[in-house]
Protein backbone atom coordinates (compact mmCIF):
# COMPACT_ATOMS: atom_id res chain seq x y z
CA MET A 1 33.14 -30.36 182.38
CA PHE A 2 35.26 -29.69 179.92
CA ASN A 3 38.20 -27.74 180.87
CA CYS A 4 40.57 -25.74 178.66
CA GLY A 5 43.48 -24.98 180.85
CA MET A 6 42.93 -21.36 181.68
CA PHE A 7 41.38 -19.91 178.83
CA PRO A 8 37.56 -19.70 178.21
CA TRP A 9 35.87 -22.31 176.20
CA VAL A 10 32.37 -23.42 174.71
CA GLU A 11 30.67 -26.17 174.83
CA VAL A 12 27.55 -26.90 172.48
CA ASP A 13 25.01 -29.64 173.44
CA ALA A 14 24.16 -32.36 170.95
CA ALA A 15 21.49 -33.77 172.69
CA ALA A 16 19.77 -30.06 173.12
CA LEU A 17 20.17 -29.30 169.36
CA LEU A 18 18.72 -32.63 168.04
CA ALA A 19 15.40 -32.18 170.40
CA ASN A 20 14.92 -28.77 169.29
CA LEU A 21 14.95 -30.28 165.98
CA ALA A 22 12.82 -33.14 166.00
CA ALA A 23 10.26 -30.18 168.56
CA LEU A 24 10.48 -27.73 165.34
CA ARG A 25 9.88 -30.81 163.12
CA ALA A 26 6.34 -31.91 165.01
CA ARG A 27 5.27 -28.27 164.59
CA ALA A 28 5.54 -28.24 161.05
CA LYS A 29 2.56 -29.67 158.71
CA THR A 30 3.20 -32.81 157.06
CA GLY A 31 5.21 -33.14 153.80
CA THR A 32 7.38 -29.81 154.95
CA GLU A 33 10.66 -30.34 154.75
CA ILE A 34 13.20 -28.76 157.48
CA ALA A 35 16.23 -26.91 156.51
CA ALA A 36 18.12 -25.93 159.48
CA VAL A 37 19.79 -22.36 158.97
CA LEU A 38 23.49 -22.31 160.36
CA LYS A 39 24.31 -18.84 159.19
CA ALA A 40 27.06 -16.71 161.24
CA ASN A 41 29.17 -19.61 162.37
CA ALA A 42 25.60 -21.65 162.80
CA PHE A 43 24.68 -18.68 165.53
CA GLY A 44 28.21 -18.81 167.15
CA HIS A 45 27.91 -21.93 167.71
CA GLY A 46 30.65 -23.04 165.22
CA LEU A 47 29.66 -24.77 161.96
CA GLU A 48 31.96 -27.58 161.67
CA VAL A 49 30.77 -28.59 165.46
CA VAL A 50 27.09 -28.58 164.99
CA ALA A 51 26.93 -29.32 160.81
CA PRO A 52 27.50 -33.22 161.67
CA VAL A 53 24.89 -33.66 163.87
CA LEU A 54 22.33 -31.86 162.18
CA ALA A 55 22.83 -33.17 159.36
CA GLU A 56 22.03 -36.58 159.88
CA GLU A 57 18.39 -35.46 161.39
CA ALA A 58 17.74 -32.22 158.89
CA GLY A 59 16.19 -32.56 155.27
CA TYR A 60 18.65 -29.74 154.36
CA LEU A 61 21.23 -27.37 155.68
CA ALA A 62 21.09 -23.76 154.67
CA ALA A 63 23.25 -20.52 155.06
CA ALA A 64 23.15 -16.95 154.11
CA GLU A 65 26.52 -17.02 152.67
CA PRO A 66 28.08 -18.78 149.82
CA ALA A 67 31.39 -19.63 151.51
CA ASP A 68 29.45 -21.28 154.56
CA ALA A 69 27.44 -22.97 151.95
CA ILE A 70 30.62 -24.54 150.69
CA ARG A 71 31.69 -25.42 154.16
CA LEU A 72 28.69 -27.33 155.01
CA ALA A 73 28.25 -29.31 151.44
CA SER A 74 30.63 -32.62 152.82
CA PHE A 75 28.35 -32.69 155.46
CA ALA A 76 24.99 -33.13 153.46
CA PRO A 77 26.23 -33.60 150.01
CA GLY A 78 23.15 -32.51 147.54
CA ARG A 79 21.39 -30.93 150.60
CA VAL A 80 22.92 -27.58 151.17
CA ILE A 81 20.72 -24.14 150.05
CA CYS A 82 22.49 -21.17 149.77
CA LEU A 83 20.00 -18.59 150.87
CA GLY A 84 22.21 -15.91 149.27
CA PRO A 85 23.40 -14.33 146.13
CA ALA A 86 27.12 -16.10 144.84
CA TYR A 87 28.66 -14.75 141.72
CA GLY A 88 31.81 -15.14 140.26
CA THR A 89 34.25 -18.27 141.99
CA ALA A 90 32.03 -18.67 144.79
CA LEU A 91 28.86 -19.40 142.47
CA GLN A 92 31.06 -21.93 140.48
CA GLU A 93 32.66 -23.89 143.83
CA CYS A 94 28.71 -24.22 145.00
CA ILE A 95 28.01 -25.80 141.52
CA GLU A 96 31.13 -28.27 141.95
CA ARG A 97 29.51 -28.89 145.27
CA ASP A 98 26.52 -29.60 144.42
CA VAL A 99 25.08 -26.73 146.61
CA GLN A 100 21.72 -25.23 145.71
CA VAL A 101 22.04 -21.77 144.79
CA THR A 102 19.70 -18.36 144.93
CA VAL A 103 19.06 -16.10 142.09
CA SER A 104 17.40 -12.97 142.50
CA THR A 105 18.27 -10.88 139.13
CA ILE A 106 18.47 -11.29 135.65
CA GLU A 107 22.17 -10.71 135.94
CA GLY A 108 22.91 -13.74 138.54
CA ALA A 109 20.89 -16.06 136.06
CA GLU A 110 22.61 -15.26 133.37
CA ALA A 111 25.71 -16.19 134.94
CA LEU A 112 24.28 -19.67 135.91
CA PRO A 113 25.69 -22.90 134.69
CA PRO A 114 23.45 -25.56 133.15
CA ALA A 115 24.37 -27.93 136.30
CA ALA A 116 22.69 -25.29 138.81
CA ARG A 117 20.05 -26.47 140.92
CA VAL A 118 18.54 -23.14 141.73
CA HIS A 119 15.89 -21.26 144.25
CA ALA A 120 14.72 -17.81 143.10
CA LEU A 121 14.15 -15.44 145.46
CA VAL A 122 11.29 -12.94 145.49
CA ASP A 123 11.28 -9.82 147.36
CA THR A 124 7.77 -9.44 148.65
CA GLY A 125 8.16 -6.64 151.22
CA LEU A 126 11.67 -6.72 152.81
CA ARG A 127 12.95 -4.61 150.27
CA ARG A 128 16.27 -6.02 150.62
CA LEU A 129 17.07 -8.82 148.08
CA GLY A 130 14.92 -10.23 145.51
CA VAL A 131 13.29 -9.87 142.17
CA ALA A 132 10.36 -8.01 141.82
CA PRO A 133 6.92 -10.19 142.03
CA ASP A 134 5.80 -8.77 138.21
CA ARG A 135 9.16 -9.90 137.14
CA LEU A 136 9.41 -13.10 138.43
CA HIS A 137 8.58 -14.59 135.17
CA ARG A 138 11.48 -13.17 133.29
CA LEU A 139 13.78 -14.07 135.71
CA VAL A 140 12.26 -17.78 135.26
CA GLU A 141 13.08 -17.54 131.68
CA ALA A 142 16.63 -16.55 132.32
CA ILE A 143 17.26 -19.80 134.04
CA ALA A 144 15.60 -21.83 131.67
CA ALA A 145 17.53 -20.05 129.29
CA ARG A 146 20.92 -21.28 130.82
CA GLY A 147 19.92 -24.35 131.21
CA ALA A 148 19.81 -24.65 135.22
CA THR A 149 16.88 -26.24 137.19
CA LEU A 150 14.30 -24.24 139.19
CA VAL A 151 13.85 -26.38 142.49
CA GLY A 152 11.94 -23.61 144.55
CA VAL A 153 10.57 -20.00 144.82
CA PHE A 154 10.69 -18.28 148.22
CA CYS A 155 10.74 -15.11 149.74
CA HIS A 156 11.85 -13.44 153.82
CA VAL A 157 8.65 -12.61 154.97
CA ALA A 158 8.92 -8.65 156.23
CA ALA A 159 6.32 -8.66 158.65
CA ALA A 160 6.75 -12.19 160.87
CA ASP A 161 8.91 -11.06 163.56
CA ARG A 162 6.51 -7.87 164.22
CA GLY A 163 3.53 -10.25 164.58
CA LYS A 164 1.77 -8.84 161.46
CA TRP A 165 0.08 -12.38 160.46
CA THR A 166 -2.25 -10.58 158.08
CA ASP A 167 0.50 -8.86 156.49
CA VAL A 168 2.45 -12.16 156.16
CA GLU A 169 -0.71 -14.13 154.59
CA LEU A 170 -0.40 -11.33 151.58
CA GLU A 171 3.28 -11.80 151.53
CA VAL A 172 2.66 -15.80 151.13
CA GLU A 173 -0.69 -15.20 149.08
CA LEU A 174 1.53 -13.43 146.79
CA LEU A 175 4.21 -15.48 146.29
CA ARG A 176 2.22 -18.23 145.60
CA ARG A 177 0.36 -16.51 142.88
CA VAL A 178 3.51 -15.77 141.28
CA ALA A 179 5.37 -19.15 141.36
CA PRO A 180 5.40 -21.51 138.32
CA ALA A 181 3.03 -23.76 138.45
CA GLY A 182 4.35 -26.93 139.87
CA VAL A 183 7.64 -25.29 141.47
CA PRO A 184 7.78 -25.77 145.42
CA THR A 185 7.57 -22.45 146.95
CA HIS A 186 8.98 -22.18 150.82
CA VAL A 187 8.69 -18.89 153.41
CA GLY A 188 11.44 -18.65 156.36
CA GLY A 189 12.09 -18.81 158.98
CA SER A 190 11.50 -19.67 162.86
CA SER A 191 8.70 -17.28 163.49
CA VAL A 192 6.59 -18.50 160.97
CA LEU A 193 7.42 -22.26 161.57
CA ILE A 194 6.58 -21.46 165.22
CA GLN A 195 3.32 -19.64 164.84
CA ARG A 196 2.09 -20.07 161.46
CA PRO A 197 3.44 -23.57 159.97
CA ASP A 198 0.47 -23.40 157.54
CA LEU A 199 2.23 -20.75 155.80
CA CYS A 200 5.94 -22.37 155.24
CA GLY A 201 5.27 -24.16 152.02
CA ALA A 202 7.72 -27.04 150.71
CA ILE A 203 10.44 -26.12 153.15
CA ALA A 204 10.70 -24.63 156.54
CA ARG A 205 13.74 -22.50 157.47
CA PRO A 206 14.28 -22.25 160.70
CA GLY A 207 17.34 -20.60 162.63
CA ILE A 208 17.57 -19.06 165.83
CA SER A 209 15.17 -21.67 167.08
CA VAL A 210 17.24 -24.65 166.31
CA PHE A 211 19.84 -23.04 168.68
CA GLY A 212 17.43 -23.16 171.58
CA CYS A 213 15.90 -19.69 171.32
CA HIS A 214 12.36 -18.22 170.77
CA PRO A 215 12.31 -15.20 168.42
CA THR A 216 11.21 -11.92 169.77
CA GLY A 217 7.67 -12.02 169.91
CA VAL A 218 7.00 -15.67 169.41
CA ASP A 219 4.80 -17.44 171.92
CA SER A 220 7.34 -19.58 173.38
CA GLU A 221 4.21 -21.67 174.78
CA LEU A 222 3.96 -23.15 171.34
CA VAL A 223 7.28 -25.41 171.31
CA SER A 224 9.62 -25.97 173.84
CA LEU A 225 13.19 -25.36 173.11
CA ARG A 226 16.28 -26.27 174.95
CA PRO A 227 19.79 -24.02 175.78
CA THR A 228 22.24 -25.65 173.18
CA LEU A 229 25.16 -23.37 174.16
CA SER A 230 27.34 -22.68 177.36
CA VAL A 231 30.22 -20.50 177.31
CA PHE A 232 32.73 -21.19 180.52
CA ALA A 233 35.77 -19.09 181.38
CA PRO A 234 38.48 -20.08 184.46
CA VAL A 235 38.81 -18.67 187.64
CA LEU A 236 42.42 -17.27 187.23
CA GLU A 237 42.69 -15.80 190.76
CA LEU A 238 40.53 -14.65 193.66
CA ARG A 239 41.09 -11.41 196.19
CA SER A 240 39.94 -10.31 199.53
CA VAL A 241 38.85 -6.61 199.22
CA PRO A 242 38.32 -4.53 202.23
CA ARG A 243 34.97 -2.64 202.07
CA GLY A 244 35.96 0.83 200.50
CA GLU A 245 39.27 -0.15 198.87
CA PRO A 246 39.22 0.80 194.84
CA ILE A 247 39.09 -1.89 192.37
CA GLY A 248 39.17 -2.11 188.60
CA TYR A 249 39.83 0.89 185.87
CA GLU A 250 36.83 2.66 187.33
CA GLY A 251 37.99 2.87 190.97
CA ARG A 252 34.46 1.71 192.23
CA ARG A 253 34.22 1.39 196.32
CA LEU A 254 32.47 -1.89 197.60
CA ASP A 255 30.02 -1.33 200.43
CA ARG A 256 31.34 -4.52 202.21
CA ASP A 257 34.11 -6.64 202.49
CA THR A 258 34.30 -8.49 199.28
CA GLU A 259 35.81 -11.99 197.85
CA ILE A 260 36.59 -11.18 194.44
CA ALA A 261 37.52 -13.65 191.50
CA THR A 262 38.99 -12.81 187.97
CA LEU A 263 38.07 -14.77 185.17
CA ALA A 264 39.73 -15.20 182.12
CA ILE A 265 37.09 -13.64 179.47
CA GLY A 266 35.86 -10.09 178.29
CA VAL A 267 34.90 -8.40 175.88
CA ALA A 268 37.63 -9.39 173.83
CA HIS A 269 35.75 -12.92 173.83
CA GLY A 270 32.13 -11.60 173.37
CA LEU A 271 30.94 -10.30 176.59
CA ASP A 272 28.90 -7.30 176.10
CA ALA A 273 30.45 -4.74 178.28
CA ARG A 274 27.69 -2.02 177.66
CA ARG A 275 25.44 -2.70 180.74
CA TRP A 276 27.22 -4.94 182.94
CA GLN A 277 24.84 -4.12 185.97
CA GLY A 278 22.86 -6.98 187.12
CA GLY A 279 25.38 -9.19 185.13
CA ALA A 280 26.89 -12.53 186.71
CA ALA A 281 28.92 -15.80 186.12
CA ARG A 282 27.63 -19.25 188.06
CA ILE A 283 29.85 -20.91 190.21
CA ASP A 284 28.89 -24.03 191.52
CA GLY A 285 25.27 -22.99 191.09
CA HIS A 286 25.63 -19.79 192.86
CA ASN A 287 25.44 -16.62 190.71
CA CYS A 288 28.26 -14.54 191.18
CA PRO A 289 27.86 -10.65 190.28
CA PHE A 290 30.27 -8.45 187.72
CA VAL A 291 31.48 -6.11 190.04
CA VAL A 292 32.82 -3.77 187.52
CA ARG A 293 32.61 -3.08 183.64
CA PRO A 294 34.35 -6.27 182.11
CA SER A 295 37.68 -5.44 180.36
CA LEU A 296 39.31 -6.18 177.42
CA ASP A 297 40.12 -9.87 178.62
CA TYR A 298 39.00 -10.12 182.08
CA THR A 299 35.95 -9.85 184.27
CA MET A 300 35.85 -9.39 188.21
CA VAL A 301 32.78 -11.04 189.99
CA ASP A 302 31.79 -11.44 193.77
CA VAL A 303 32.30 -14.70 195.07
CA SER A 304 31.56 -14.05 198.61
CA GLU A 305 28.94 -16.79 198.83
CA VAL A 306 30.92 -19.57 197.06
CA ARG A 307 33.86 -21.55 197.60
CA ALA A 308 35.54 -20.23 194.36
CA LYS A 309 38.97 -21.91 193.51
CA PRO A 310 41.71 -21.13 190.87
CA GLY A 311 41.16 -22.85 187.55
CA GLN A 312 37.57 -23.65 188.25
CA GLY A 313 35.50 -22.72 185.45
CA ALA A 314 32.19 -20.27 185.68
CA LEU A 315 29.86 -20.45 183.06
CA VAL A 316 29.29 -17.11 181.81
CA VAL A 317 26.92 -17.51 179.04
CA GLY A 318 24.19 -19.89 178.69
CA GLY A 319 21.66 -22.06 181.31
CA GLU A 320 18.03 -21.85 181.57
CA ALA A 321 15.83 -19.48 181.11
CA GLY A 322 15.45 -17.16 184.28
CA ALA A 323 19.20 -17.51 184.90
CA PRO A 324 21.03 -14.19 184.57
CA THR A 325 24.00 -16.04 182.33
CA SER A 326 20.66 -17.13 180.27
CA VAL A 327 21.18 -15.64 176.47
CA LYS A 328 17.87 -14.53 176.99
CA SER A 329 18.60 -12.75 180.36
CA ILE A 330 21.73 -11.68 178.67
CA ALA A 331 19.74 -9.97 175.85
CA ALA A 332 17.46 -8.52 177.41
CA ARG A 333 19.56 -6.67 180.02
CA VAL A 334 21.72 -4.88 176.94
CA GLY A 335 19.02 -4.17 174.78
CA ALA A 336 19.83 -6.60 171.73
CA SER A 337 18.39 -10.09 170.32
CA ALA A 338 19.43 -13.66 170.86
CA ASP A 339 20.74 -13.89 167.56
CA ASP A 340 23.46 -10.56 168.57
CA VAL A 341 24.59 -12.28 172.11
CA LEU A 342 25.02 -15.90 170.26
CA VAL A 343 27.01 -14.58 167.17
CA GLY A 344 29.00 -12.09 169.38
CA ILE A 345 30.88 -15.03 170.61
CA SER A 346 34.24 -14.99 169.40
CA PRO A 347 34.97 -17.66 166.79
CA GLU A 348 38.54 -17.90 168.43
CA LEU A 349 37.13 -19.71 171.60
CA PRO A 350 37.28 -23.34 171.32
CA ARG A 351 34.07 -25.31 171.10
CA ARG A 352 33.44 -28.52 172.04
CA LEU A 353 30.76 -30.93 171.42
CA ILE A 354 28.74 -32.53 174.04
CA GLY A 355 25.79 -34.94 174.41
CA LEU A 356 26.70 -37.58 172.16
CA PRO A 357 30.04 -39.45 171.54
CA GLN A 358 32.58 -37.11 170.54
CA THR A 359 32.99 -39.11 167.09
CA ALA A 360 29.79 -37.42 166.12
CA GLY A 361 31.15 -33.94 165.79
CA THR A 362 34.58 -32.08 165.81
CA SER A 363 35.88 -29.54 167.76
CA SER A 364 37.12 -26.30 165.74
């Protein structure tokens, strides 16, 4: 285990990333490319950490924001898709870096340079971004008028995460009906690829599943995924607290003599303190329950059942399903999604790639 002194750190398992990508690729239909979506700092894993690993095996890398797509361009030249609109200097830099861009408005199309490779986004029901289906032909004309190349037509289906597959089928049918002949269509994301790979089209765009988490409502038996991220915090100090003595800002009184370890991690580092009850860290394979609500910088845990020592690393986020530290368990406990848990981890924490030679990636 890597130890970053007396500060918390993140470890990213490259072998697990590649195993997840392979499992998702096996789920895809023949002829469907995989675009690994690395939005939100690669779901909290660190974009520069995971991009070199995934670029070797994925057909494309994708991001929602132009700034992230530009960062990805050096890892997968010519194979990066920006799934959100880009304007002004961001659009210009995307084109200069050979990033495939998304357009969903006539105004956006009119800003395109001739060198642009473009995906047209159609709104099939999400009501967020995208051209109306009956106006796609006008958008295609505007793209052609600029001398840009239309390389795909896609949508973000609104009903997949709710499991309404009849509605998804209607969305996909609409997309395919309005797309110009000969232009590939593609439909996101992890839910569609895992549950209905026949609907993906030319490109499947898994995001959270690449990082070891099944989307809400998806049958986890369909594809096996491995956890990819672990957050560790060192033990700073130990205390023997007699029964009934107050601890923490809340002055909570424990009902037995308790050994307490203070960990160098708190809300500022990404811990969700809304429901600390049931939370725990793992030390030497033992669950060490939180004893009070995490503060901004520190977390106190019960280590009465384990021989903890200062400097020892405690697992705070990560591990297999069922462990109180697993992303799924934390999400269920705080009433959030796996995405929320992962992207909430502070980007300031150092991230280290494990599972491959260090030359396969870099720390951020």
